[in-house]
Amino acid sequence: MLKIGAIVWGVRDIPRAVAFWSAALDYVLRYPPNEDFAILVPRNGDGLQLSFNRVTSSKPRKHHMDLHSDDPEAEVARLIALGATKPEWRYEEDADYVVLHDPDDNAFCVIDTRPR
């Protein structure tokens, strides 16, 4: 049986990714990063590992992360204050998500997990 052990995110700037995602998810460095790779883990030890691999292309990477929240409006505001941006997006009428970009322009979503 397989299970996800880590998400590997291609970024152009390792320190910037570490700063944003550490604050966004309350994660900490597993050990000191180098210029090409870093690993974040949950501060409380519960959850997936998030790894960053340095890339040189400015083209969007083919990855995507969904972050679940029972207070998505507050989380979207908090993430934007940390440096995320909200791109133009065509949402369907009953959308339960908000698309954001991290400081390295990687797309991710905040999903409303409240009962509908």
PDB file of N, CA and C in Angstrom:
ATOM      1  N   MET A   1       0.844  -1.180   0.000  1.00  0.00           N
ATOM      2  CA  MET A   1       0.000   0.000   0.000  1.00  0.00           C
ATOM      3  C   MET A   1       0.889   1.243   0.000  1.00  0.00           C
ATOM      4  N   LEU A   2       0.526   2.197  -0.811  1.00  0.00           N
ATOM      5  CA  LEU A   2       1.271   3.445  -0.895  1.00  0.00           C
ATOM      6  C   LEU A   2       0.547   4.549  -0.163  1.00  0.00           C
ATOM      7  N   LYS A   3       1.295   5.518   0.327  1.00  0.00           N
ATOM      8  CA  LYS A   3       0.712   6.734   0.886  1.00  0.00           C
ATOM      9  C   LYS A   3       1.635   7.890   0.550  1.00  0.00           C
ATOM     10  N   ILE A   4       1.086   9.067   0.462  1.00  0.00           N
ATOM     11  CA  ILE A   4       1.895  10.243   0.143  1.00  0.00           C
ATOM     12  C   ILE A   4       2.761  10.586   1.339  1.00  0.00           C
ATOM     13  N   GLY A   5       4.059  10.695   1.111  1.00  0.00           N
ATOM     14  CA  GLY A   5       4.991  11.069   2.170  1.00  0.00           C
ATOM     15  C   GLY A   5       5.401  12.515   2.086  1.00  0.00           C
ATOM     16  N   ALA A   6       5.382  13.083   0.865  1.00  0.00           N
ATOM     17  CA  ALA A   6       5.796  14.477   0.688  1.00  0.00           C
ATOM     18  C   ALA A   6       5.234  15.013  -0.614  1.00  0.00           C
ATOM     19  N   ILE A   7       5.029  16.288  -0.628  1.00  0.00           N
ATOM     20  CA  ILE A   7       4.734  17.023  -1.851  1.00  0.00           C
ATOM     21  C   ILE A   7       6.010  17.774  -2.194  1.00  0.00           C
ATOM     22  N   VAL A   8       6.478  17.655  -3.437  1.00  0.00           N
ATOM     23  CA  VAL A   8       7.690  18.360  -3.866  1.00  0.00           C
ATOM     24  C   VAL A   8       7.251  19.486  -4.785  1.00  0.00           C
ATOM     25  N   TRP A   9       7.612  20.699  -4.415  1.00  0.00           N
ATOM     26  CA  TRP A   9       7.159  21.922  -5.079  1.00  0.00           C
ATOM     27  C   TRP A   9       8.353  22.548  -5.785  1.00  0.00           C
ATOM     28  N   GLY A  10       8.252  22.793  -7.081  1.00  0.00           N
ATOM     29  CA  GLY A  10       9.316  23.456  -7.827  1.00  0.00           C
ATOM     30  C   GLY A  10       9.234  24.962  -7.630  1.00  0.00           C
ATOM     31  N   VAL A  11      10.292  25.557  -7.120  1.00  0.00           N
ATOM     32  CA  VAL A  11      10.323  27.005  -6.853  1.00  0.00           C
ATOM     33  C   VAL A  11      11.620  27.603  -7.375  1.00  0.00           C
ATOM     34  N   ARG A  12      11.592  28.891  -7.675  1.00  0.00           N
ATOM     35  CA  ARG A  12      12.810  29.572  -8.122  1.00  0.00           C
ATOM     36  C   ARG A  12      13.626  30.119  -6.954  1.00  0.00           C
ATOM     37  N   ASP A  13      12.985  30.344  -5.808  1.00  0.00           N
ATOM     38  CA  ASP A  13      13.651  30.985  -4.676  1.00  0.00           C
ATOM     39  C   ASP A  13      13.350  30.183  -3.411  1.00  0.00           C
ATOM     40  N   ILE A  14      14.306  29.368  -2.977  1.00  0.00           N
ATOM     41  CA  ILE A  14      14.114  28.496  -1.812  1.00  0.00           C
ATOM     42  C   ILE A  14      13.811  29.304  -0.544  1.00  0.00           C
ATOM     43  N   PRO A  15      14.617  30.318  -0.178  1.00  0.00           N
ATOM     44  CA  PRO A  15      14.318  31.063   1.055  1.00  0.00           C
ATOM     45  C   PRO A  15      12.934  31.713   1.043  1.00  0.00           C
ATOM     46  N   ARG A  16      12.526  32.250  -0.090  1.00  0.00           N
ATOM     47  CA  ARG A  16      11.205  32.879  -0.179  1.00  0.00           C
ATOM     48  C   ARG A  16      10.102  31.829   0.006  1.00  0.00           C
ATOM     49  N   ALA A  17      10.253  30.661  -0.609  1.00  0.00           N
ATOM     50  CA  ALA A  17       9.265  29.591  -0.457  1.00  0.00           C
ATOM     51  C   ALA A  17       9.201  29.115   0.991  1.00  0.00           C
ATOM     52  N   VAL A  18      10.351  28.942   1.614  1.00  0.00           N
ATOM     53  CA  VAL A  18      10.390  28.509   3.010  1.00  0.00           C
ATOM     54  C   VAL A  18       9.677  29.527   3.902  1.00  0.00           C
ATOM     55  N   ALA A  19       9.956  30.808   3.699  1.00  0.00           N
ATOM     56  CA  ALA A  19       9.331  31.842   4.530  1.00  0.00           C
ATOM     57  C   ALA A  19       7.813  31.850   4.351  1.00  0.00           C
ATOM     58  N   PHE A  20       7.342  31.834   3.098  1.00  0.00           N
ATOM     59  CA  PHE A  20       5.904  31.898   2.849  1.00  0.00           C
ATOM     60  C   PHE A  20       5.190  30.660   3.386  1.00  0.00           C
ATOM     61  N   TRP A  21       5.647  29.471   2.989  1.00  0.00           N
ATOM     62  CA  TRP A  21       4.924  28.258   3.362  1.00  0.00           C
ATOM     63  C   TRP A  21       5.075  27.918   4.838  1.00  0.00           C
ATOM     64  N   SER A  22       6.181  28.287   5.467  1.00  0.00           N
ATOM     65  CA  SER A  22       6.306  28.086   6.918  1.00  0.00           C
ATOM     66  C   SER A  22       5.236  28.871   7.652  1.00  0.00           C
ATOM     67  N   ALA A  23       5.060  30.132   7.256  1.00  0.00           N
ATOM     68  CA  ALA A  23       4.051  30.980   7.893  1.00  0.00           C
ATOM     69  C   ALA A  23       2.636  30.545   7.509  1.00  0.00           C
ATOM     70  N   ALA A  24       2.437  30.170   6.253  1.00  0.00           N
ATOM     71  CA  ALA A  24       1.104  29.795   5.788  1.00  0.00           C
ATOM     72  C   ALA A  24       0.589  28.530   6.477  1.00  0.00           C
ATOM     73  N   LEU A  25       1.462  27.548   6.677  1.00  0.00           N
ATOM     74  CA  LEU A  25       1.043  26.244   7.186  1.00  0.00           C
ATOM     75  C   LEU A  25       1.478  25.948   8.613  1.00  0.00           C
ATOM     76  N   ASP A  26       2.227  26.853   9.240  1.00  0.00           N
ATOM     77  CA  ASP A  26       2.820  26.616  10.562  1.00  0.00           C
ATOM     78  C   ASP A  26       3.735  25.387  10.508  1.00  0.00           C
ATOM     79  N   TYR A  27       4.591  25.361   9.487  1.00  0.00           N
ATOM     80  CA  TYR A  27       5.584  24.317   9.306  1.00  0.00           C
ATOM     81  C   TYR A  27       6.960  24.860   9.699  1.00  0.00           C
ATOM     82  N   VAL A  28       7.890  23.947   9.944  1.00  0.00           N
ATOM     83  CA  VAL A  28       9.267  24.310  10.292  1.00  0.00           C
ATOM     84  C   VAL A  28      10.228  23.515   9.408  1.00  0.00           C
ATOM     85  N   LEU A  29      11.437  24.019   9.294  1.00  0.00           N
ATOM     86  CA  LEU A  29      12.458  23.307   8.530  1.00  0.00           C
ATOM     87  C   LEU A  29      12.819  21.996   9.229  1.00  0.00           C
ATOM     88  N   ARG A  30      12.937  20.946   8.442  1.00  0.00           N
ATOM     89  CA  ARG A  30      13.351  19.648   8.989  1.00  0.00           C
ATOM     90  C   ARG A  30      14.831  19.687   9.358  1.00  0.00           C
ATOM     91  N   TYR A  31      15.623  20.305   8.496  1.00  0.00           N
ATOM     92  CA  TYR A  31      17.035  20.576   8.741  1.00  0.00           C
ATOM     93  C   TYR A  31      17.429  21.746   7.857  1.00  0.00           C
ATOM     94  N   PRO A  32      18.610  22.322   8.061  1.00  0.00           N
ATOM     95  CA  PRO A  32      18.968  23.513   7.288  1.00  0.00           C
ATOM     96  C   PRO A  32      18.893  23.265   5.780  1.00  0.00           C
ATOM     97  N   PRO A  33      18.306  24.207   5.049  1.00  0.00           N
ATOM     98  CA  PRO A  33      18.185  24.041   3.600  1.00  0.00           C
ATOM     99  C   PRO A  33      19.513  24.298   2.906  1.00  0.00           C
ATOM    100  N   ASN A  34      19.612  23.850   1.661  1.00  0.00           N
ATOM    101  CA  ASN A  34      20.738  24.275   0.847  1.00  0.00           C
ATOM    102  C   ASN A  34      20.175  25.110  -0.302  1.00  0.00           C
ATOM    103  N   GLU A  35      20.983  25.514  -1.230  1.00  0.00           N
ATOM    104  CA  GLU A  35      20.507  26.428  -2.278  1.00  0.00           C
ATOM    105  C   GLU A  35      19.549  25.767  -3.257  1.00  0.00           C
ATOM    106  N   ASP A  36      19.509  24.432  -3.285  1.00  0.00           N
ATOM    107  CA  ASP A  36      18.672  23.728  -4.243  1.00  0.00           C
ATOM    108  C   ASP A  36      17.513  22.943  -3.642  1.00  0.00           C
ATOM    109  N   PHE A  37      17.465  22.799  -2.320  1.00  0.00           N
ATOM    110  CA  PHE A  37      16.442  21.930  -1.737  1.00  0.00           C
ATOM    111  C   PHE A  37      16.197  22.280  -0.284  1.00  0.00           C
ATOM    112  N   ALA A  38      14.930  22.176   0.127  1.00  0.00           N
ATOM    113  CA  ALA A  38      14.559  22.373   1.528  1.00  0.00           C
ATOM    114  C   ALA A  38      13.356  21.504   1.840  1.00  0.00           C
ATOM    115  N   ILE A  39      13.233  21.120   3.094  1.00  0.00           N
ATOM    116  CA  ILE A  39      12.108  20.295   3.531  1.00  0.00           C
ATOM    117  C   ILE A  39      11.450  20.956   4.737  1.00  0.00           C
ATOM    118  N   LEU A  40      10.128  21.126   4.646  1.00  0.00           N
ATOM    119  CA  LEU A  40       9.336  21.617   5.767  1.00  0.00           C
ATOM    120  C   LEU A  40       8.462  20.486   6.293  1.00  0.00           C
ATOM    121  N   VAL A  41       8.261  20.485   7.604  1.00  0.00           N
ATOM    122  CA  VAL A  41       7.387  19.512   8.255  1.00  0.00           C
ATOM    123  C   VAL A  41       6.461  20.260   9.206  1.00  0.00           C
ATOM    124  N   PRO A  42       5.324  19.670   9.531  1.00  0.00           N
ATOM    125  CA  PRO A  42       4.410  20.320  10.468  1.00  0.00           C
ATOM    126  C   PRO A  42       5.079  20.553  11.828  1.00  0.00           C
ATOM    127  N   ARG A  43       4.846  21.720  12.385  1.00  0.00           N
ATOM    128  CA  ARG A  43       5.408  22.047  13.700  1.00  0.00           C
ATOM    129  C   ARG A  43       4.965  21.020  14.742  1.00  0.00           C
ATOM    130  N   ASN A  44       3.698  20.590  14.659  1.00  0.00           N
ATOM    131  CA  ASN A  44       3.181  19.648  15.651  1.00  0.00           C
ATOM    132  C   ASN A  44       3.406  18.190  15.261  1.00  0.00           C
ATOM    133  N   GLY A  45       4.041  17.943  14.122  1.00  0.00           N
ATOM    134  CA  GLY A  45       4.368  16.586  13.705  1.00  0.00           C
ATOM    135  C   GLY A  45       3.269  15.845  12.979  1.00  0.00           C
ATOM    136  N   ASP A  46       2.092  16.449  12.814  1.00  0.00           N
ATOM    137  CA  ASP A  46       0.969  15.767  12.188  1.00  0.00           C
ATOM    138  C   ASP A  46       0.699  16.347  10.805  1.00  0.00           C
ATOM    139  N   GLY A  47       0.968  15.586   9.754  1.00  0.00           N
ATOM    140  CA  GLY A  47       0.701  16.052   8.401  1.00  0.00           C
ATOM    141  C   GLY A  47       1.799  15.666   7.436  1.00  0.00           C
ATOM    142  N   LEU A  48       1.619  16.082   6.186  1.00  0.00           N
ATOM    143  CA  LEU A  48       2.567  15.756   5.127  1.00  0.00           C
ATOM    144  C   LEU A  48       3.793  16.653   5.149  1.00  0.00           C
ATOM    145  N   GLN A  49       4.877  16.119   4.663  1.00  0.00           N
ATOM    146  CA  GLN A  49       6.102  16.890   4.446  1.00  0.00           C
ATOM    147  C   GLN A  49       5.948  17.687   3.157  1.00  0.00           C
ATOM    148  N   LEU A  50       6.449  18.912   3.139  1.00  0.00           N
ATOM    149  CA  LEU A  50       6.459  19.745   1.946  1.00  0.00           C
ATOM    150  C   LEU A  50       7.913  20.039   1.596  1.00  0.00           C
ATOM    151  N   SER A  51       8.335  19.613   0.420  1.00  0.00           N
ATOM    152  CA  SER A  51       9.721  19.799  -0.013  1.00  0.00           C
ATOM    153  C   SER A  51       9.778  20.812  -1.152  1.00  0.00           C
ATOM    154  N   PHE A  52      10.880  21.537  -1.239  1.00  0.00           N
ATOM    155  CA  PHE A  52      11.082  22.511  -2.305  1.00  0.00           C
ATOM    156  C   PHE A  52      12.326  22.141  -3.084  1.00  0.00           C
ATOM    157  N   ASN A  53      12.169  22.085  -4.392  1.00  0.00           N
ATOM    158  CA  ASN A  53      13.264  21.801  -5.302  1.00  0.00           C
ATOM    159  C   ASN A  53      13.458  23.039  -6.166  1.00  0.00           C
ATOM    160  N   ARG A  54      14.666  23.576  -6.210  1.00  0.00           N
ATOM    161  CA  ARG A  54      14.908  24.796  -6.996  1.00  0.00           C
ATOM    162  C   ARG A  54      14.841  24.480  -8.478  1.00  0.00           C
ATOM    163  N   VAL A  55      14.080  25.331  -9.204  1.00  0.00           N
ATOM    164  CA  VAL A  55      13.970  25.236 -10.655  1.00  0.00           C
ATOM    165  C   VAL A  55      14.404  26.568 -11.248  1.00  0.00           C
ATOM    166  N   THR A  56      14.774  26.564 -12.506  1.00  0.00           N
ATOM    167  CA  THR A  56      15.227  27.804 -13.136  1.00  0.00           C
ATOM    168  C   THR A  56      14.213  28.364 -14.125  1.00  0.00           C
ATOM    169  N   SER A  57      13.255  27.575 -14.536  1.00  0.00           N
ATOM    170  CA  SER A  57      12.260  28.029 -15.507  1.00  0.00           C
ATOM    171  C   SER A  57      11.211  28.906 -14.831  1.00  0.00           C
ATOM    172  N   SER A  58      10.785  29.945 -15.534  1.00  0.00           N
ATOM    173  CA  SER A  58       9.714  30.788 -15.012  1.00  0.00           C
ATOM    174  C   SER A  58       8.341  30.266 -15.433  1.00  0.00           C
ATOM    175  N   LYS A  59       8.308  29.211 -16.248  1.00  0.00           N
ATOM    176  CA  LYS A  59       7.034  28.637 -16.673  1.00  0.00           C
ATOM    177  C   LYS A  59       6.352  27.978 -15.477  1.00  0.00           C
ATOM    178  N   PRO A  60       5.020  28.035 -15.448  1.00  0.00           N
ATOM    179  CA  PRO A  60       4.306  27.392 -14.340  1.00  0.00           C
ATOM    180  C   PRO A  60       4.632  25.908 -14.259  1.00  0.00           C
ATOM    181  N   ARG A  61       4.773  25.431 -13.053  1.00  0.00           N
ATOM    182  CA  ARG A  61       5.029  24.023 -12.821  1.00  0.00           C
ATOM    183  C   ARG A  61       3.697  23.269 -12.837  1.00  0.00           C
ATOM    184  N   LYS A  62       3.727  22.014 -13.115  1.00  0.00           N
ATOM    185  CA  LYS A  62       2.515  21.194 -13.177  1.00  0.00           C
ATOM    186  C   LYS A  62       2.252  20.539 -11.823  1.00  0.00           C
ATOM    187  N   HIS A  63       1.916  21.345 -10.861  1.00  0.00           N
ATOM    188  CA  HIS A  63       1.526  20.837  -9.550  1.00  0.00           C
ATOM    189  C   HIS A  63       0.480  21.779  -8.969  1.00  0.00           C
ATOM    190  N   HIS A  64      -0.193  21.294  -7.954  1.00  0.00           N
ATOM    191  CA  HIS A  64      -1.297  22.057  -7.392  1.00  0.00           C
ATOM    192  C   HIS A  64      -1.560  21.503  -6.000  1.00  0.00           C
ATOM    193  N   MET A  65      -1.867  22.359  -5.060  1.00  0.00           N
ATOM    194  CA  MET A  65      -2.150  21.936  -3.697  1.00  0.00           C
ATOM    195  C   MET A  65      -3.475  22.542  -3.262  1.00  0.00           C
ATOM    196  N   ASP A  66      -4.307  21.736  -2.601  1.00  0.00           N
ATOM    197  CA  ASP A  66      -5.544  22.218  -2.007  1.00  0.00           C
ATOM    198  C   ASP A  66      -5.366  22.281  -0.499  1.00  0.00           C
ATOM    199  N   LEU A  67      -5.679  23.433   0.076  1.00  0.00           N
ATOM    200  CA  LEU A  67      -5.624  23.629   1.517  1.00  0.00           C
ATOM    201  C   LEU A  67      -7.060  23.718   2.024  1.00  0.00           C
ATOM    202  N   HIS A  68      -7.430  22.863   2.967  1.00  0.00           N
ATOM    203  CA  HIS A  68      -8.795  22.812   3.472  1.00  0.00           C
ATOM    204  C   HIS A  68      -8.937  23.718   4.691  1.00  0.00           C
ATOM    205  N   SER A  69     -10.084  24.414   4.779  1.00  0.00           N
ATOM    206  CA  SER A  69     -10.320  25.331   5.893  1.00  0.00           C
ATOM    207  C   SER A  69     -11.803  25.442   6.201  1.00  0.00           C
ATOM    208  N   ASP A  70     -12.114  25.566   7.498  1.00  0.00           N
ATOM    209  CA  ASP A  70     -13.493  25.846   7.883  1.00  0.00           C
ATOM    210  C   ASP A  70     -13.711  27.347   8.084  1.00  0.00           C
ATOM    211  N   ASP A  71     -12.689  28.145   7.769  1.00  0.00           N
ATOM    212  CA  ASP A  71     -12.801  29.614   7.770  1.00  0.00           C
ATOM    213  C   ASP A  71     -12.000  30.155   6.583  1.00  0.00           C
ATOM    214  N   PRO A  72     -12.445  29.827   5.357  1.00  0.00           N
ATOM    215  CA  PRO A  72     -11.649  30.158   4.179  1.00  0.00           C
ATOM    216  C   PRO A  72     -11.452  31.656   3.960  1.00  0.00           C
ATOM    217  N   GLU A  73     -12.432  32.475   4.293  1.00  0.00           N
ATOM    218  CA  GLU A  73     -12.275  33.920   4.090  1.00  0.00           C
ATOM    219  C   GLU A  73     -11.108  34.454   4.921  1.00  0.00           C
ATOM    220  N   ALA A  74     -11.036  34.035   6.164  1.00  0.00           N
ATOM    221  CA  ALA A  74      -9.933  34.477   7.027  1.00  0.00           C
ATOM    222  C   ALA A  74      -8.598  33.948   6.534  1.00  0.00           C
ATOM    223  N   GLU A  75      -8.576  32.705   6.080  1.00  0.00           N
ATOM    224  CA  GLU A  75      -7.322  32.117   5.596  1.00  0.00           C
ATOM    225  C   GLU A  75      -6.852  32.784   4.313  1.00  0.00           C
ATOM    226  N   VAL A  76      -7.769  33.089   3.403  1.00  0.00           N
ATOM    227  CA  VAL A  76      -7.388  33.777   2.171  1.00  0.00           C
ATOM    228  C   VAL A  76      -6.787  35.145   2.510  1.00  0.00           C
ATOM    229  N   ALA A  77      -7.420  35.871   3.409  1.00  0.00           N
ATOM    230  CA  ALA A  77      -6.886  37.185   3.812  1.00  0.00           C
ATOM    231  C   ALA A  77      -5.509  37.039   4.448  1.00  0.00           C
ATOM    232  N   ARG A  78      -5.341  36.040   5.302  1.00  0.00           N
ATOM    233  CA  ARG A  78      -4.048  35.810   5.964  1.00  0.00           C
ATOM    234  C   ARG A  78      -2.971  35.456   4.946  1.00  0.00           C
ATOM    235  N   LEU A  79      -3.296  34.601   3.987  1.00  0.00           N
ATOM    236  CA  LEU A  79      -2.320  34.190   2.980  1.00  0.00           C
ATOM    237  C   LEU A  79      -1.943  35.349   2.063  1.00  0.00           C
ATOM    238  N   ILE A  80      -2.893  36.190   1.722  1.00  0.00           N
ATOM    239  CA  ILE A  80      -2.584  37.367   0.907  1.00  0.00           C
ATOM    240  C   ILE A  80      -1.676  38.317   1.692  1.00  0.00           C
ATOM    241  N   ALA A  81      -1.915  38.473   2.984  1.00  0.00           N
ATOM    242  CA  ALA A  81      -1.042  39.314   3.816  1.00  0.00           C
ATOM    243  C   ALA A  81       0.375  38.752   3.890  1.00  0.00           C
ATOM    244  N   LEU A  82       0.511  37.435   3.742  1.00  0.00           N
ATOM    245  CA  LEU A  82       1.827  36.792   3.765  1.00  0.00           C
ATOM    246  C   LEU A  82       2.552  36.891   2.424  1.00  0.00           C
ATOM    247  N   GLY A  83       1.822  37.271   1.360  1.00  0.00           N
ATOM    248  CA  GLY A  83       2.473  37.410   0.058  1.00  0.00           C
ATOM    249  C   GLY A  83       1.807  36.674  -1.080  1.00  0.00           C
ATOM    250  N   ALA A  84       0.730  35.943  -0.805  1.00  0.00           N
ATOM    251  CA  ALA A  84      -0.010  35.283  -1.887  1.00  0.00           C
ATOM    252  C   ALA A  84      -0.739  36.345  -2.710  1.00  0.00           C
ATOM    253  N   THR A  85      -1.067  35.988  -3.937  1.00  0.00           N
ATOM    254  CA  THR A  85      -1.864  36.872  -4.786  1.00  0.00           C
ATOM    255  C   THR A  85      -3.094  36.109  -5.261  1.00  0.00           C
ATOM    256  N   LYS A  86      -4.130  36.869  -5.624  1.00  0.00           N
ATOM    257  CA  LYS A  86      -5.379  36.273  -6.086  1.00  0.00           C
ATOM    258  C   LYS A  86      -5.531  36.605  -7.567  1.00  0.00           C
ATOM    259  N   PRO A  87      -5.314  35.624  -8.441  1.00  0.00           N
ATOM    260  CA  PRO A  87      -5.410  35.888  -9.876  1.00  0.00           C
ATOM    261  C   PRO A  87      -6.873  36.010 -10.322  1.00  0.00           C
ATOM    262  N   GLU A  88      -7.063  36.570 -11.497  1.00  0.00           N
ATOM    263  CA  GLU A  88      -8.389  36.563 -12.105  1.00  0.00           C
ATOM    264  C   GLU A  88      -8.761  35.100 -12.340  1.00  0.00           C
ATOM    265  N   TRP A  89     -10.000  34.732 -12.018  1.00  0.00           N
ATOM    266  CA  TRP A  89     -10.410  33.343 -12.178  1.00  0.00           C
ATOM    267  C   TRP A  89     -11.903  33.298 -12.432  1.00  0.00           C
ATOM    268  N   ARG A  90     -12.326  32.421 -13.314  1.00  0.00           N
ATOM    269  CA  ARG A  90     -13.753  32.208 -13.566  1.00  0.00           C
ATOM    270  C   ARG A  90     -14.253  31.102 -12.651  1.00  0.00           C
ATOM    271  N   TYR A  91     -14.959  31.508 -11.612  1.00  0.00           N
ATOM    272  CA  TYR A  91     -15.506  30.545 -10.659  1.00  0.00           C
ATOM    273  C   TYR A  91     -16.909  30.141 -11.072  1.00  0.00           C
ATOM    274  N   GLU A  92     -17.215  28.863 -10.911  1.00  0.00           N
ATOM    275  CA  GLU A  92     -18.589  28.445 -11.125  1.00  0.00           C
ATOM    276  C   GLU A  92     -19.449  29.014  -9.993  1.00  0.00           C
ATOM    277  N   GLU A  93     -20.755  29.056 -10.208  1.00  0.00           N
ATOM    278  CA  GLU A  93     -21.661  29.730  -9.281  1.00  0.00           C
ATOM    279  C   GLU A  93     -21.548  29.231  -7.841  1.00  0.00           C
ATOM    280  N   ASP A  94     -21.410  27.941  -7.642  1.00  0.00           N
ATOM    281  CA  ASP A  94     -21.369  27.385  -6.289  1.00  0.00           C
ATOM    282  C   ASP A  94     -19.951  26.966  -5.873  1.00  0.00           C
ATOM    283  N   ALA A  95     -18.948  27.659  -6.358  1.00  0.00           N
ATOM    284  CA  ALA A  95     -17.554  27.308  -6.067  1.00  0.00           C
ATOM    285  C   ALA A  95     -17.309  27.298  -4.557  1.00  0.00           C
ATOM    286  N   ASP A  96     -16.620  26.282  -4.106  1.00  0.00           N
ATOM    287  CA  ASP A  96     -16.267  26.166  -2.691  1.00  0.00           C
ATOM    288  C   ASP A  96     -14.757  26.347  -2.492  1.00  0.00           C
ATOM    289  N   TYR A  97     -14.117  27.062  -3.391  1.00  0.00           N
ATOM    290  CA  TYR A  97     -12.675  27.251  -3.353  1.00  0.00           C
ATOM    291  C   TYR A  97     -12.300  28.646  -3.842  1.00  0.00           C
ATOM    292  N   VAL A  98     -11.071  29.043  -3.478  1.00  0.00           N
ATOM    293  CA  VAL A  98     -10.480  30.286  -3.975  1.00  0.00           C
ATOM    294  C   VAL A  98      -9.090  29.934  -4.497  1.00  0.00           C
ATOM    295  N   VAL A  99      -8.789  30.371  -5.711  1.00  0.00           N
ATOM    296  CA  VAL A  99      -7.479  30.138  -6.304  1.00  0.00           C
ATOM    297  C   VAL A  99      -6.544  31.269  -5.885  1.00  0.00           C
ATOM    298  N   LEU A 100      -5.366  30.906  -5.402  1.00  0.00           N
ATOM    299  CA  LEU A 100      -4.322  31.866  -5.052  1.00  0.00           C
ATOM    300  C   LEU A 100      -3.019  31.438  -5.718  1.00  0.00           C
ATOM    301  N   HIS A 101      -2.055  32.350  -5.735  1.00  0.00           N
ATOM    302  CA  HIS A 101      -0.695  32.038  -6.174  1.00  0.00           C
ATOM    303  C   HIS A 101       0.252  32.363  -5.030  1.00  0.00           C
ATOM    304  N   ASP A 102       1.236  31.483  -4.815  1.00  0.00           N
ATOM    305  CA  ASP A 102       2.251  31.785  -3.809  1.00  0.00           C
ATOM    306  C   ASP A 102       3.228  32.811  -4.395  1.00  0.00           C
ATOM    307  N   PRO A 103       4.202  33.296  -3.612  1.00  0.00           N
ATOM    308  CA  PRO A 103       5.120  34.316  -4.123  1.00  0.00           C
ATOM    309  C   PRO A 103       5.956  33.878  -5.327  1.00  0.00           C
ATOM    310  N   ASP A 104       6.036  32.571  -5.582  1.00  0.00           N
ATOM    311  CA  ASP A 104       6.773  32.071  -6.736  1.00  0.00           C
ATOM    312  C   ASP A 104       5.833  31.805  -7.914  1.00  0.00           C
ATOM    313  N   ASP A 105       4.595  32.261  -7.802  1.00  0.00           N
ATOM    314  CA  ASP A 105       3.547  32.172  -8.819  1.00  0.00           C
ATOM    315  C   ASP A 105       3.001  30.762  -9.022  1.00  0.00           C
ATOM    316  N   ASN A 106       3.144  29.893  -8.017  1.00  0.00           N
ATOM    317  CA  ASN A 106       2.545  28.564  -8.064  1.00  0.00           C
ATOM    318  C   ASN A 106       1.101  28.652  -7.587  1.00  0.00           C
ATOM    319  N   ALA A 107       0.188  28.041  -8.342  1.00  0.00           N
ATOM    320  CA  ALA A 107      -1.226  28.060  -7.978  1.00  0.00           C
ATOM    321  C   ALA A 107      -1.522  27.068  -6.855  1.00  0.00           C
ATOM    322  N   PHE A 108      -2.434  27.470  -5.975  1.00  0.00           N
ATOM    323  CA  PHE A 108      -2.978  26.578  -4.960  1.00  0.00           C
ATOM    324  C   PHE A 108      -4.374  27.072  -4.631  1.00  0.00           C
ATOM    325  N   CYS A 109      -5.168  26.227  -3.975  1.00  0.00           N
ATOM    326  CA  CYS A 109      -6.537  26.597  -3.656  1.00  0.00           C
ATOM    327  C   CYS A 109      -6.795  26.494  -2.168  1.00  0.00           C
ATOM    328  N   VAL A 110      -7.667  27.367  -1.691  1.00  0.00           N
ATOM    329  CA  VAL A 110      -8.200  27.253  -0.338  1.00  0.00           C
ATOM    330  C   VAL A 110      -9.625  26.750  -0.509  1.00  0.00           C
ATOM    331  N   ILE A 111      -9.900  25.584   0.069  1.00  0.00           N
ATOM    332  CA  ILE A 111     -11.183  24.897  -0.083  1.00  0.00           C
ATOM    333  C   ILE A 111     -12.018  25.093   1.181  1.00  0.00           C
ATOM    334  N   ASP A 112     -13.265  25.471   0.996  1.00  0.00           N
ATOM    335  CA  ASP A 112     -14.198  25.633   2.104  1.00  0.00           C
ATOM    336  C   ASP A 112     -14.703  24.258   2.508  1.00  0.00           C
ATOM    337  N   THR A 113     -14.351  23.803   3.707  1.00  0.00           N
ATOM    338  CA  THR A 113     -14.738  22.468   4.163  1.00  0.00           C
ATOM    339  C   THR A 113     -15.956  22.490   5.092  1.00  0.00           C
ATOM    340  N   ARG A 114     -16.574  23.676   5.241  1.00  0.00           N
ATOM    341  CA  ARG A 114     -17.777  23.737   6.069  1.00  0.00           C
ATOM    342  C   ARG A 114     -18.890  22.939   5.404  1.00  0.00           C
ATOM    343  N   PRO A 115     -19.741  22.298   6.209  1.00  0.00           N
ATOM    344  CA  PRO A 115     -20.874  21.554   5.617  1.00  0.00           C
ATOM    345  C   PRO A 115     -21.733  22.475   4.769  1.00  0.00           C
ATOM    346  N   ARG A 116     -22.206  21.970   3.662  1.00  0.00           N
ATOM    347  CA  ARG A 116     -23.032  22.781   2.751  1.00  0.00           C
ATOM    348  C   ARG A 116     -24.478  22.431   2.903  1.00  0.00           C
TER     349      ARG A 116
END
